[in-house]
Protein backbone atom coordinates (compact mmCIF):
# COMPACT_ATOMS: atom_id res chain seq x y z
CA MET A 1 0.00 0.00 0.00
CA LEU A 2 2.82 2.45 0.87
CA ARG A 3 4.74 1.75 -2.31
CA LYS A 4 1.62 2.11 -4.45
CA ALA A 5 0.83 5.46 -2.80
CA THR A 6 4.07 6.93 -4.25
CA GLU A 7 2.93 6.43 -7.86
CA PRO A 8 0.78 9.61 -8.19
CA PHE A 9 3.77 11.70 -7.09
CA ILE A 10 6.10 10.53 -9.86
CA GLY A 11 6.46 12.80 -12.89
CA GLU A 12 5.55 16.46 -13.21
CA ILE A 13 3.26 17.56 -10.38
CA GLU A 14 1.99 20.76 -8.77
CA GLN A 15 3.33 21.47 -5.29
CA MET A 16 2.34 24.16 -2.82
CA PRO A 17 5.41 25.70 -1.19
CA PRO A 18 5.37 25.97 2.60
CA VAL A 19 4.66 29.39 4.14
CA TYR A 20 8.01 29.12 5.93
CA SER A 21 10.13 29.16 2.78
CA ALA A 22 12.72 31.47 1.24
CA ILE A 23 10.50 32.31 -1.72
CA LYS A 24 10.20 36.07 -1.97
CA LYS A 25 7.00 38.09 -2.20
CA ASP A 26 7.58 41.78 -3.01
CA GLY A 27 11.25 41.34 -2.05
CA VAL A 28 10.54 39.80 1.36
CA ALA A 29 11.07 36.10 2.17
CA LEU A 30 7.83 34.23 2.94
CA TYR A 31 9.21 32.97 6.25
CA GLU A 32 9.63 36.57 7.40
CA LEU A 33 6.05 37.41 6.43
CA ALA A 34 4.77 34.25 8.14
CA ARG A 35 6.57 35.16 11.36
CA ARG A 36 4.90 38.58 11.26
CA GLY A 37 1.51 36.93 10.84
CA VAL A 38 0.98 38.26 7.32
CA ASP A 39 -1.25 36.04 5.17
CA VAL A 40 0.19 35.49 1.72
CA GLU A 41 -1.55 33.83 -1.20
CA LEU A 42 0.68 30.99 -2.37
CA LYS A 43 0.59 29.53 -5.85
CA ALA A 44 1.38 25.93 -6.70
CA ARG A 45 4.64 25.36 -8.56
CA LYS A 46 5.46 22.70 -11.11
CA ILE A 47 8.12 20.27 -9.96
CA THR A 48 9.33 16.92 -11.25
CA ILE A 49 9.75 13.79 -9.15
CA ASN A 50 11.93 11.38 -11.11
CA SER A 51 11.99 8.68 -8.44
CA PHE A 52 10.17 8.14 -5.14
CA GLU A 53 11.41 4.97 -3.49
CA ILE A 54 10.40 3.58 -0.10
CA MET A 55 13.67 2.53 1.56
CA GLU A 56 12.47 1.22 4.93
CA ILE A 57 9.21 0.85 6.77
CA ALA A 58 9.41 1.05 10.56
CA LEU A 59 5.89 2.23 11.34
CA PRO A 60 4.99 4.89 12.14
CA VAL A 61 8.20 6.03 10.39
CA VAL A 62 8.71 5.53 6.65
CA TYR A 63 12.12 6.26 5.11
CA PHE A 64 12.17 7.23 1.46
CA LYS A 65 14.57 8.40 -1.24
CA VAL A 66 13.51 10.99 -3.76
CA ILE A 67 15.24 12.15 -6.94
CA CYS A 68 13.62 15.43 -7.91
CA SER A 69 13.94 18.76 -9.67
CA THR A 70 15.29 21.92 -8.10
CA GLY A 71 12.67 23.77 -6.09
CA THR A 72 11.05 20.68 -4.61
CA TYR A 73 10.11 21.01 -0.96
CA ILE A 74 10.64 17.61 0.64
CA ARG A 75 8.72 18.62 3.77
CA SER A 76 5.72 19.43 1.59
CA LEU A 77 6.15 16.19 -0.35
CA ALA A 78 6.24 14.18 2.91
CA ASN A 79 3.12 16.01 4.11
CA ASP A 80 1.28 15.39 0.83
CA PHE A 81 2.36 11.73 0.88
CA GLY A 82 1.00 11.34 4.42
CA ALA A 83 -2.27 12.95 3.39
CA ALA A 84 -2.53 10.55 0.44
CA LEU A 85 -2.02 7.61 2.81
CA VAL A 86 -4.89 8.77 5.00
CA VAL A 87 -7.16 8.75 1.95
CA VAL A 88 -5.96 5.25 0.97
CA VAL A 89 -6.52 3.84 4.45
CA ILE A 90 -10.02 5.32 4.83
C-alpha cells in the first residue's frame, strides 16, 4: 500500500510551497512574512519527481529516497504523501 501510494507523485506535479520558505513576495522572504503573521496567497509550482522509493518501513516512520527537480520542498512532499495515505486507508 505504501509503495503504491508513491505512484501519483512521480512525474511532473503541482506542489504548494510551505509558508516558511525562502520564496520572496515583493522582495521579502515568505518565512519573514509568516513570522509577522501576514497572510500570503501561495501559488502551486510545477516540480518533477523522477523517483520516489520507499527505503524502509518502521511504522509509524517511513524512510524514502527521492530524486527530484530543483525547487522541490521535501517537507511538503512528505506532508502530501502522508495525506494521500490517510485517503488510501479510509
